[in-house]
Protein backbone atom coordinates (compact mmCIF):
# COMPACT_ATOMS: atom_id res chain seq x y z
CA UNK A 1 0.01 0.00 -0.03
CA UNK A 2 1.48 3.36 -0.99
CA UNK A 3 1.52 6.44 1.21
CA UNK A 4 1.03 9.86 -0.35
CA UNK A 5 1.66 13.15 1.36
CA UNK A 6 -0.34 15.91 -0.31
CA UNK A 7 1.13 19.37 0.57
CA UNK A 8 -1.70 21.42 -0.94
CA UNK A 9 -3.77 23.39 1.48
CA UNK A 10 -7.03 24.17 -0.56
CA UNK A 11 -9.88 22.20 0.88
CA UNK A 12 -11.85 21.98 -2.36
CA UNK A 13 -8.84 20.58 -4.30
CA UNK A 14 -7.82 18.23 -1.53
CA UNK A 15 -11.32 16.67 -1.30
CA UNK A 16 -11.38 16.39 -5.05
CA UNK A 17 -7.98 14.68 -5.15
CA UNK A 18 -9.08 12.27 -2.49
CA UNK A 19 -12.30 11.35 -4.53
CA UNK A 20 -10.45 10.98 -7.79
CA UNK A 21 -7.73 8.90 -6.23
CA UNK A 22 -10.25 6.62 -4.49
CA UNK A 23 -12.26 6.03 -7.70
CA UNK A 24 -9.44 5.66 -10.13
CA UNK A 25 -6.18 4.67 -8.46
CA UNK A 26 -5.78 0.97 -9.21
CA UNK A 27 -5.04 -0.07 -5.63
CA UNK A 28 -5.62 0.91 -2.03
CA UNK A 29 -3.62 3.73 -0.59
CA UNK A 30 -2.92 6.06 2.39
CA UNK A 31 -2.70 9.82 2.14
CA UNK A 32 -1.91 12.58 4.51
CA UNK A 33 -3.06 16.10 3.95
CA UNK A 34 -3.97 19.46 5.55
CA UNK A 35 -6.44 22.23 4.81
CA UNK A 36 -6.26 25.94 5.37
CA UNK A 37 -9.12 27.23 7.51
CA UNK A 38 -12.20 25.30 6.38
CA UNK A 39 -15.47 23.87 7.70
CA UNK A 40 -15.99 20.49 6.14
CA UNK A 41 -19.67 19.57 6.13
CA UNK A 42 -21.05 15.99 6.02
CA UNK A 43 -22.64 14.77 2.80
CA UNK A 44 -26.16 14.59 4.26
CA UNK A 45 -26.18 17.88 6.28
CA UNK A 46 -27.78 21.24 5.82
CA UNK A 47 -24.79 23.57 5.59
CA UNK A 48 -26.57 26.62 6.68
CA UNK A 49 -27.54 24.90 9.93
CA UNK A 50 -24.03 23.88 10.76
CA UNK A 51 -22.05 27.15 10.46
CA UNK A 52 -21.97 30.54 11.98
CA UNK A 53 -21.93 32.43 8.66
CA UNK A 54 -20.62 35.69 10.10
CA UNK A 55 -17.76 33.99 11.94
CA UNK A 56 -16.90 31.92 8.83
CA UNK A 57 -16.58 35.17 6.98
CA UNK A 58 -14.63 36.98 9.64
CA UNK A 59 -12.04 34.16 9.97
CA UNK A 60 -11.85 33.71 6.15
CA UNK A 61 -12.93 30.14 6.39
CA UNK A 62 -13.99 28.14 3.32
CA UNK A 63 -17.02 25.87 3.64
CA UNK A 64 -16.83 22.68 1.60
CA UNK A 65 -19.13 19.60 1.60
CA UNK A 66 -17.38 16.24 1.53
CA UNK A 67 -18.44 12.97 -0.13
CA UNK A 68 -18.82 11.07 3.19
CA UNK A 69 -21.46 11.27 5.88
CA UNK A 70 -21.12 12.34 9.51
CA UNK A 71 -21.00 15.82 11.04
CA UNK A 72 -19.33 19.10 10.29
CA UNK A 73 -15.76 19.54 11.37
CA UNK A 74 -13.22 22.41 11.42
CA UNK A 75 -9.85 22.11 9.66
CA UNK A 76 -6.81 24.27 9.72
CA UNK A 77 -3.07 23.76 9.25
CA UNK A 78 -2.84 22.46 12.82
CA UNK A 79 -5.07 19.49 11.93
CA UNK A 80 -3.67 16.52 9.98
CA UNK A 81 -6.15 14.58 7.81
CA UNK A 82 -5.65 11.02 6.79
CA UNK A 83 -7.33 9.14 3.90
CA UNK A 84 -7.40 5.33 3.67
CA UNK A 85 -8.83 3.82 0.43
CA UNK A 86 -9.46 0.05 0.50
CA UNK A 87 -10.67 -2.29 -2.15
CA UNK A 88 -14.35 -3.44 -1.84
CA UNK A 89 -17.51 -2.23 -0.10
CA UNK A 90 -16.78 -2.07 3.65
CA UNK A 91 -20.20 -1.09 5.01
CA UNK A 92 -20.50 -2.98 8.33
CA UNK A 93 -20.35 -0.92 11.54
CA UNK A 94 -17.30 -2.92 12.54
CA UNK A 95 -15.42 -1.78 9.47
CA UNK A 96 -14.99 1.77 11.03
CA UNK A 97 -12.73 0.30 13.70
CA UNK A 98 -10.95 -1.97 11.20
CA UNK A 99 -10.20 0.99 8.86
CA UNK A 100 -8.93 3.04 11.88
CA UNK A 101 -6.43 0.33 12.82
CA UNK A 102 -3.43 1.74 10.92
CA UNK A 103 -3.95 5.16 12.53
CA UNK A 104 -4.25 3.63 16.01
CA UNK A 105 -1.24 1.51 15.61
CA UNK A 106 0.81 4.41 14.32
CA UNK A 107 -0.22 6.57 17.26
CA UNK A 108 0.68 3.85 19.65
CA UNK A 109 3.98 3.43 17.92
CA UNK A 110 4.58 7.14 18.80
CA UNK A 111 3.64 6.52 22.42
CA UNK A 112 0.14 7.84 22.37
CA UNK A 113 -2.31 5.75 24.43
CA UNK A 114 -5.20 6.15 21.89
CA UNK A 115 -8.36 4.07 21.63
CA UNK A 116 -11.24 3.77 19.15
CA UNK A 117 -14.47 4.93 20.84
CA UNK A 118 -18.20 4.80 19.89
CA UNK A 119 -19.14 4.92 16.26
CA UNK A 120 -16.14 6.72 14.63
CA UNK A 121 -13.90 8.49 17.06
CA UNK A 122 -10.34 8.07 18.34
CA UNK A 123 -9.84 9.31 21.96
CA UNK A 124 -6.97 9.92 24.37
CA UNK A 125 -7.94 10.32 28.05
CA UNK A 126 -11.61 10.46 27.07
CA UNK A 127 -11.01 13.47 24.82
CA UNK A 128 -11.58 13.25 21.10
CA UNK A 129 -8.52 13.62 18.89
CA UNK A 130 -9.99 12.21 15.76
CA UNK A 131 -13.35 11.87 14.04
CA UNK A 132 -13.84 9.75 10.94
CA UNK A 133 -16.32 9.12 8.09
CA UNK A 134 -16.75 6.62 5.38
CA UNK A 135 -18.25 6.22 1.85
CA UNK A 136 -18.18 3.73 -0.94
CA UNK A 137 -16.77 5.40 -4.14
CA UNK A 138 -16.51 3.19 -7.21
CA UNK A 139 -15.09 -0.17 -6.28
CA UNK A 140 -13.36 1.10 -3.09
CA UNK A 141 -14.27 2.28 0.37
CA UNK A 142 -12.91 5.63 1.42
CA UNK A 143 -12.24 6.03 5.21
CA UNK A 144 -10.93 9.37 6.26
CA UNK A 145 -10.56 11.42 9.44
CA UNK A 146 -8.90 14.17 11.42
CA UNK A 147 -6.03 14.26 13.82
CA UNK A 148 -6.00 17.34 16.03
CA UNK A 149 -2.46 18.30 16.64
CA UNK A 150 -2.41 22.09 17.06
CA UNK A 151 -5.81 23.12 15.90
CA UNK A 152 -7.15 26.63 16.76
CA UNK A 153 -9.85 25.63 19.19
CA UNK A 154 -11.12 29.19 19.53
CA UNK A 155 -11.92 29.49 15.85
CA UNK A 156 -13.30 25.88 15.88
CA UNK A 157 -15.88 26.59 18.52
CA UNK A 158 -17.04 29.87 16.83
CA UNK A 159 -17.42 28.80 13.22
CA UNK A 160 -19.31 25.60 14.11
CA UNK A 161 -21.95 27.31 16.16
CA UNK A 162 -24.91 28.52 14.12
CA UNK A 163 -27.49 30.81 15.73
CA UNK A 164 -30.37 28.43 16.69
CA UNK A 165 -32.88 31.36 16.61
CA UNK A 166 -32.16 31.98 12.95
CA UNK A 167 -32.34 28.48 11.43
CA UNK A 168 -34.80 25.63 12.05
CA UNK A 169 -33.34 22.76 10.19
CA UNK A 170 -34.53 19.19 9.56
CA UNK A 171 -30.99 18.07 8.58
CA UNK A 172 -28.70 15.78 10.49
CA UNK A 173 -26.92 17.84 13.15
CA UNK A 174 -23.34 17.46 14.28
CA UNK A 175 -22.64 16.19 17.74
CA UNK A 176 -20.13 18.26 19.73
CA UNK A 177 -17.52 16.45 21.76
CA UNK A 178 -14.77 17.22 24.19
CA UNK A 179 -11.62 17.53 22.14
CA UNK A 180 -7.89 17.96 22.74
CA UNK A 181 -4.75 18.68 20.65
CA UNK A 182 -2.03 16.10 20.45
CA UNK A 183 0.71 18.74 20.67
CA UNK A 184 0.24 18.58 24.47
CA UNK A 185 1.73 15.06 24.26
CA UNK A 186 4.60 16.20 21.97
CA UNK A 187 6.20 19.24 23.59
CA UNK A 188 8.62 21.15 21.31
CA UNK A 189 7.45 19.14 18.25
CA UNK A 190 6.16 21.24 15.33
CA UNK A 191 3.36 20.20 13.00
CA UNK A 192 5.80 19.47 10.17
CA UNK A 193 7.85 17.27 12.52
CA UNK A 194 4.76 15.41 13.65
CA UNK A 195 3.74 14.74 10.10
CA UNK A 196 7.18 13.23 9.42
CA UNK A 197 6.99 11.12 12.55
CA UNK A 198 3.44 9.89 11.80
CA UNK A 199 4.36 9.01 8.21
CA UNK A 200 7.29 7.04 9.42
CA UNK A 201 5.09 5.33 12.02
CA UNK A 202 2.57 4.29 9.31
CA UNK A 203 5.41 2.79 7.22
CA UNK A 204 6.61 0.86 10.20
CA UNK A 205 3.17 -0.51 11.16
CA UNK A 206 1.43 -1.05 7.81
CA UNK A 207 2.77 -3.94 5.82
CA UNK A 208 4.21 -2.91 2.43
CA UNK A 209 3.55 0.82 3.09
CA UNK A 210 6.02 2.88 1.05
CA UNK A 211 6.15 6.60 0.42
CA UNK A 212 5.18 7.75 -3.12
CA UNK A 213 4.34 10.87 -5.13
CA UNK A 214 0.82 11.49 -6.40
CA UNK A 215 0.88 10.90 -10.14
CA UNK A 216 0.46 14.12 -12.24
CA UNK A 217 -2.58 12.74 -14.09
CA UNK A 218 -4.57 12.56 -10.81
CA UNK A 219 -3.61 16.09 -9.93
CA UNK A 220 -4.99 17.38 -13.20
CA UNK A 221 -8.22 15.38 -12.78
CA UNK A 222 -8.62 16.65 -9.27
CA UNK A 223 -8.30 20.26 -10.43
CA UNK A 224 -11.09 19.64 -12.92
CA UNK A 225 -13.34 17.96 -10.31
CA UNK A 226 -12.74 20.78 -7.85
CA UNK A 227 -13.86 23.36 -10.44
CA UNK A 228 -16.91 21.37 -11.48
CA UNK A 229 -18.00 20.22 -7.97
CA UNK A 230 -16.17 21.17 -4.83
CA UNK A 231 -15.87 24.89 -5.49
CA UNK A 232 -19.57 25.35 -6.44
CA UNK A 233 -22.35 26.83 -4.33
CA UNK A 234 -24.67 24.08 -5.47
CA UNK A 235 -22.55 21.36 -3.96
CA UNK A 236 -21.43 23.12 -0.83
CA UNK A 237 -24.63 24.88 0.22
CA UNK A 238 -27.42 23.38 -1.89
CA UNK A 239 -29.65 20.92 -0.11
CA UNK A 240 -32.81 18.91 -0.66
CA UNK A 241 -33.63 19.48 2.97
CA UNK A 242 -36.33 22.00 3.80
CA UNK A 243 -35.65 24.54 6.56
CA UNK A 244 -36.80 27.87 7.93
CA UNK A 245 -34.72 30.97 8.31
CA UNK A 246 -35.16 34.37 10.03
CA UNK A 247 -32.76 37.29 10.49
CA UNK A 248 -32.93 41.02 11.27
CA UNK A 249 -30.37 43.86 11.28
CA UNK A 250 -30.41 47.53 11.98
CA UNK A 251 -29.23 49.78 9.19
CA UNK A 252 -28.90 53.50 9.04
CA UNK A 253 -32.36 53.63 7.38
CA UNK A 254 -33.98 51.39 10.07
CA UNK A 255 -34.34 47.77 11.19
CA UNK A 256 -35.13 45.24 8.51
CA UNK A 257 -36.15 41.60 9.28
CA UNK A 258 -36.74 38.67 7.00
CA UNK A 259 -38.28 35.23 7.65
CA UNK A 260 -38.76 32.55 4.90
CA UNK A 261 -38.66 28.86 4.18
CA UNK A 262 -36.31 27.08 1.88
CA UNK A 263 -37.52 24.25 -0.36
CA UNK A 264 -35.48 22.86 -3.18
CA UNK A 265 -32.80 25.51 -2.58
CA UNK A 266 -35.39 28.29 -3.29
CA UNK A 267 -36.98 30.99 -1.16
CA UNK A 268 -40.65 30.69 -0.39
CA UNK A 269 -43.11 32.20 2.09
CA UNK A 270 -40.86 35.38 2.42
CA UNK A 271 -41.92 38.09 4.82
CA UNK A 272 -40.33 41.46 5.62
CA UNK A 273 -40.69 43.23 8.93
CA UNK A 274 -39.13 46.28 10.65
CA UNK A 275 -39.35 50.04 11.08
CA UNK A 276 -38.00 50.83 7.60
CA UNK A 277 -39.66 53.21 5.08
CA UNK A 278 -40.94 52.54 1.63
CA UNK A 279 -43.58 53.94 -0.69
CA UNK A 280 -45.08 50.53 -1.62
CA UNK A 281 -46.05 47.50 0.49
CA UNK A 282 -43.02 45.25 1.16
CA UNK A 283 -45.22 42.27 0.46
CA UNK A 284 -44.84 43.10 -3.19
CA UNK A 285 -41.06 42.78 -2.97
CA UNK A 286 -41.47 39.46 -1.13
CA UNK A 287 -43.53 38.07 -3.98
CA UNK A 288 -40.87 39.10 -6.44
CA UNK A 289 -38.14 37.31 -4.50
CA UNK A 290 -40.14 34.14 -3.74
CA UNK A 291 -38.90 31.23 -5.96
CA UNK A 292 -35.42 32.75 -6.24
CA UNK A 293 -32.31 30.66 -5.50
CA UNK A 294 -30.56 31.40 -2.27
CA UNK A 295 -27.23 31.37 -4.16
CA UNK A 296 -25.82 34.81 -3.47
CA UNK A 297 -25.11 35.97 -6.99
CA UNK A 298 -28.49 34.92 -8.22
CA UNK A 299 -30.31 36.51 -5.34
CA UNK A 300 -28.31 39.76 -5.64
CA UNK A 301 -29.15 39.94 -9.36
CA UNK A 302 -32.85 39.49 -8.53
CA UNK A 303 -32.72 42.20 -5.88
CA UNK A 304 -31.12 44.68 -8.26
CA UNK A 305 -33.52 43.87 -11.10
CA UNK A 306 -36.46 44.49 -8.81
CA UNK A 307 -35.36 47.96 -7.81
CA UNK A 308 -36.10 47.28 -4.19
CA UNK A 309 -35.94 51.01 -3.06
CA UNK A 310 -39.56 51.72 -3.37
CA UNK A 311 -40.35 48.98 -0.92
CA UNK A 312 -37.31 49.28 1.47
CA UNK A 313 -35.60 52.65 1.12
CA UNK A 314 -32.17 53.67 2.26
CA UNK A 315 -30.27 50.36 2.10
CA UNK A 316 -28.11 49.01 -0.68
CA UNK A 317 -28.78 45.71 -2.58
CA UNK A 318 -25.76 44.24 -0.90
CA UNK A 319 -27.19 45.14 2.59
CA UNK A 320 -30.45 43.56 1.81
CA UNK A 321 -28.61 40.43 0.58
CA UNK A 322 -26.75 40.20 3.86
CA UNK A 323 -30.11 39.44 5.63
CA UNK A 324 -30.44 36.17 3.67
CA UNK A 325 -27.07 34.73 4.78
């Protein structure tokens, strides 16, 4: 089994590479990789209900949906991700622990008293250091997870906490756990040094594991898949799950509030409220925006085309758009 170390930091590309390799690489493999600030949302989740959109923007955090199930997680360069692709359809509950065995053995080789816990976690001293997820892609099973080494816990707790008063979701919610960073067990060891140590541990504990470079053809295919899928609003934010949303904000021209439902990624049952001024009833603007996609560029174009000022005066199209995020 070959071990790849992917040094790219863009989440969309990294998830695309992982998918392409799993589907097309002729054998099983291991891969280590990191992302710059990113929230990685589970395949079956409602993205809007998993993130604090304002904090995501403030911390310049990308939001990417992955191909596997499970809950939303935060990645940064202090978090090491591992991918394990194995031949066949490994769908039993027990296969989670079996797939995690190389990671556990490598950690124990490095002196970490880690154990598999519950459905899909690795813990140390009852604190979670790794969560994992799984999917069948083509003729292989992809098993991947996180290893918290020196993750920014302050940002983690802020970007993964949506405002429950704004969103009423019917999606699968993430379960929050008590977490810890492995760096507390490796004083004076940098993230780069830990990656080197962990890679050597994998090679020591996994039979036939050798370090290799990702073939260029898979890098090119991953770039194409990232552009077509993992960088798109439709993949990352679109959902078949219905949910309700409400928000309000005070502008110089007064407070404006919105409440609406989302069905099939489109706005419906929109209502405006507040102490704003306008010459015509705001219900007319609501009717013009009902049926519009929640994708920001599409919604902004519709707002500008409507000429919203006669219904809600004194705020810009961009300010009005901000209420829908």
